[in-house]
């Protein structure tokens, strides 16, 4: 896989395989990488976060690839999506910015999945129409690490958590 990426990009790349048993990074050859499900291929060069571009500038493939890869990103999340039992309330703001796993995996059988999470507390205004309003503290889950995992494995894990 890394060899294929290197050919596409015309540059060297490093293949990092995440073992599900040990959670330690290991460097393997392409054959072993295909057997494991948590695969990340990245070039080891630094890409500046912000560069001045003209209106007709072309963004290089490597930059497009690295920005689209599965990773924690700031996303807008509706409060009612996180707290569906609170439908009788109006929240200000109605959505919050949270770091959540999102992005592309190199195989349609894989999905971007959190491997490490933490809770964050935010002050939100909660209004019950024609009754009361108050500022409350609400807890949300943010993702600090992500990995591409088999969709089947993710589905089975969610089913176990629901039991």
Protein backbone atom coordinates (compact mmCIF):
# COMPACT_ATOMS: atom_id res chain seq x y z
CA UNK A 1 0.00 0.00 0.00
CA UNK A 2 2.76 2.44 0.94
CA UNK A 3 4.61 1.49 -2.24
CA UNK A 4 1.48 2.29 -4.26
CA UNK A 5 1.13 5.65 -2.48
CA UNK A 6 4.79 6.42 -3.06
CA UNK A 7 4.33 5.73 -6.78
CA UNK A 8 1.28 8.00 -6.88
CA UNK A 9 3.02 10.78 -5.01
CA UNK A 10 6.42 10.24 -6.57
CA UNK A 11 8.00 10.37 -3.10
CA UNK A 12 8.91 8.08 -0.20
CA UNK A 13 6.34 7.36 2.44
CA UNK A 14 6.33 5.56 5.78
CA UNK A 15 3.84 2.83 6.56
CA UNK A 16 2.77 2.72 10.19
CA UNK A 17 0.67 -0.22 11.36
CA UNK A 18 -1.27 -0.07 14.60
CA UNK A 19 -1.57 -3.47 16.23
CA UNK A 20 -4.92 -3.96 17.89
CA UNK A 21 -3.40 -6.21 20.55
CA UNK A 22 -0.57 -4.03 21.78
CA UNK A 23 -1.63 -0.57 20.56
CA UNK A 24 2.06 0.08 19.80
CA UNK A 25 3.17 1.34 16.42
CA UNK A 26 5.13 -1.14 14.37
CA UNK A 27 6.73 -0.79 10.99
CA UNK A 28 5.95 -3.76 8.74
CA UNK A 29 6.17 -4.54 5.09
CA UNK A 30 3.14 -4.19 2.80
CA UNK A 31 2.15 -7.87 3.17
CA UNK A 32 1.76 -7.60 6.96
CA UNK A 33 0.05 -4.23 6.65
CA UNK A 34 -2.72 -5.69 4.49
CA UNK A 35 -3.51 -8.26 7.20
CA UNK A 36 -3.91 -5.63 9.91
CA UNK A 37 -6.80 -3.21 9.74
CA UNK A 38 -5.44 -0.04 11.33
CA UNK A 39 -3.18 1.33 8.62
CA UNK A 40 -1.83 4.83 8.17
CA UNK A 41 0.42 5.94 5.34
CA UNK A 42 1.95 9.40 5.58
CA UNK A 43 4.90 11.18 4.08
CA UNK A 44 7.32 12.37 6.71
CA UNK A 45 7.76 15.88 5.30
CA UNK A 46 6.35 18.94 7.05
CA UNK A 47 3.49 20.70 5.27
CA UNK A 48 2.85 24.27 6.41
CA UNK A 49 -0.58 24.76 7.97
CA UNK A 50 -1.38 28.02 6.20
CA UNK A 51 0.12 29.16 2.96
CA UNK A 52 -0.80 32.19 0.94
CA UNK A 53 -2.40 31.07 -2.30
CA UNK A 54 -3.72 32.99 -5.20
CA UNK A 55 -7.28 32.41 -6.45
CA UNK A 56 -6.02 30.07 -9.20
CA UNK A 57 -3.49 28.13 -7.12
CA UNK A 58 -3.51 24.34 -7.18
CA UNK A 59 -3.25 22.50 -3.86
CA UNK A 60 -0.62 19.72 -4.09
CA UNK A 61 -1.81 16.09 -3.91
CA UNK A 62 0.15 15.32 -0.75
CA UNK A 63 -1.45 18.24 1.09
CA UNK A 64 -4.93 17.24 -0.12
CA UNK A 65 -4.29 13.64 0.99
CA UNK A 66 -2.98 14.58 4.45
CA UNK A 67 -5.89 16.95 5.11
CA UNK A 68 -8.48 14.37 4.07
CA UNK A 69 -7.06 11.47 6.14
CA UNK A 70 -8.93 10.07 9.17
CA UNK A 71 -8.11 12.32 12.15
CA UNK A 72 -9.74 14.38 14.92
CA UNK A 73 -11.29 17.51 13.41
CA UNK A 74 -13.33 20.40 14.71
CA UNK A 75 -16.94 19.72 13.73
CA UNK A 76 -20.20 21.48 14.54
CA UNK A 77 -22.45 19.13 16.52
CA UNK A 78 -26.08 19.85 17.40
CA UNK A 79 -26.67 19.74 21.15
CA UNK A 80 -29.92 17.84 20.62
CA UNK A 81 -27.97 15.19 18.71
CA UNK A 82 -25.91 14.60 21.87
CA UNK A 83 -28.83 15.07 24.29
CA UNK A 84 -31.94 13.81 22.42
CA UNK A 85 -34.04 13.66 25.63
CA UNK A 86 -33.80 17.45 26.03
CA UNK A 87 -36.20 18.30 23.18
CA UNK A 88 -38.38 20.51 25.41
CA UNK A 89 -35.50 22.97 25.79
CA UNK A 90 -33.94 25.55 23.52
CA UNK A 91 -30.16 25.79 23.76
CA UNK A 92 -28.00 28.81 23.05
CA UNK A 93 -25.94 28.08 21.12
CA UNK A 94 -27.85 25.24 19.47
CA UNK A 95 -24.63 23.57 18.33
CA UNK A 96 -21.06 23.36 19.66
CA UNK A 97 -17.64 22.82 18.11
CA UNK A 98 -16.21 19.44 19.12
CA UNK A 99 -13.19 17.44 18.01
CA UNK A 100 -14.53 14.31 16.35
CA UNK A 101 -13.03 11.65 14.14
CA UNK A 102 -13.70 12.29 10.48
CA UNK A 103 -11.95 11.78 7.21
CA UNK A 104 -11.18 9.21 4.59
CA UNK A 105 -9.83 5.70 4.93
CA UNK A 106 -8.10 3.96 2.03
CA UNK A 107 -10.70 1.19 1.76
CA UNK A 108 -14.49 1.36 1.66
CA UNK A 109 -14.62 -1.51 4.19
CA UNK A 110 -12.93 0.74 6.78
CA UNK A 111 -14.35 3.64 8.74
CA UNK A 112 -12.72 6.44 10.72
CA UNK A 113 -13.21 5.50 14.38
CA UNK A 114 -12.13 7.07 17.70
CA UNK A 115 -9.47 5.16 19.65
CA UNK A 116 -9.15 7.68 22.47
CA UNK A 117 -11.76 10.07 23.89
CA UNK A 118 -12.17 12.53 26.75
CA UNK A 119 -14.98 14.64 28.19
CA UNK A 120 -15.17 18.39 27.94
CA UNK A 121 -17.62 20.61 29.84
CA UNK A 122 -19.17 23.71 28.29
CA UNK A 123 -21.42 26.43 29.66
CA UNK A 124 -24.66 26.55 27.68
CA UNK A 125 -27.86 28.59 28.11
CA UNK A 126 -30.89 26.31 28.46
CA UNK A 127 -34.34 27.79 27.98
CA UNK A 128 -37.66 26.18 28.72
CA UNK A 129 -40.12 28.30 26.70
CA UNK A 130 -42.33 30.60 28.83
CA UNK A 131 -40.95 29.15 32.06
CA UNK A 132 -37.29 29.58 32.84
CA UNK A 133 -33.82 30.00 31.51
CA UNK A 134 -30.51 29.26 33.12
CA UNK A 135 -26.88 28.71 32.31
CA UNK A 136 -25.88 25.09 32.79
CA UNK A 137 -22.77 22.99 32.36
CA UNK A 138 -23.03 20.24 29.75
CA UNK A 139 -20.53 17.48 29.13
CA UNK A 140 -19.55 16.39 25.62
CA UNK A 141 -17.20 13.70 24.31
CA UNK A 142 -14.25 14.76 22.18
CA UNK A 143 -11.98 12.44 20.20
CA UNK A 144 -8.22 12.72 20.68
CA UNK A 145 -7.09 9.86 18.40
CA UNK A 146 -8.62 8.06 15.43
CA UNK A 147 -7.89 5.01 13.33
CA UNK A 148 -9.39 3.34 10.29
CA UNK A 149 -11.12 0.15 11.44
CA UNK A 150 -13.26 -2.46 9.74
CA UNK A 151 -16.91 -1.37 9.61
CA UNK A 152 -17.96 -4.84 10.82
CA UNK A 153 -15.66 -4.59 13.86
CA UNK A 154 -17.00 -1.12 14.72
CA UNK A 155 -20.60 -2.34 14.42
CA UNK A 156 -19.90 -5.33 16.72
CA UNK A 157 -18.24 -3.05 19.29
CA UNK A 158 -21.25 -0.67 19.30
CA UNK A 159 -23.61 -3.64 19.77
CA UNK A 160 -21.61 -4.78 22.83
CA UNK A 161 -21.72 -1.26 24.30
CA UNK A 162 -25.51 -1.11 23.85
CA UNK A 163 -26.07 -4.30 25.88
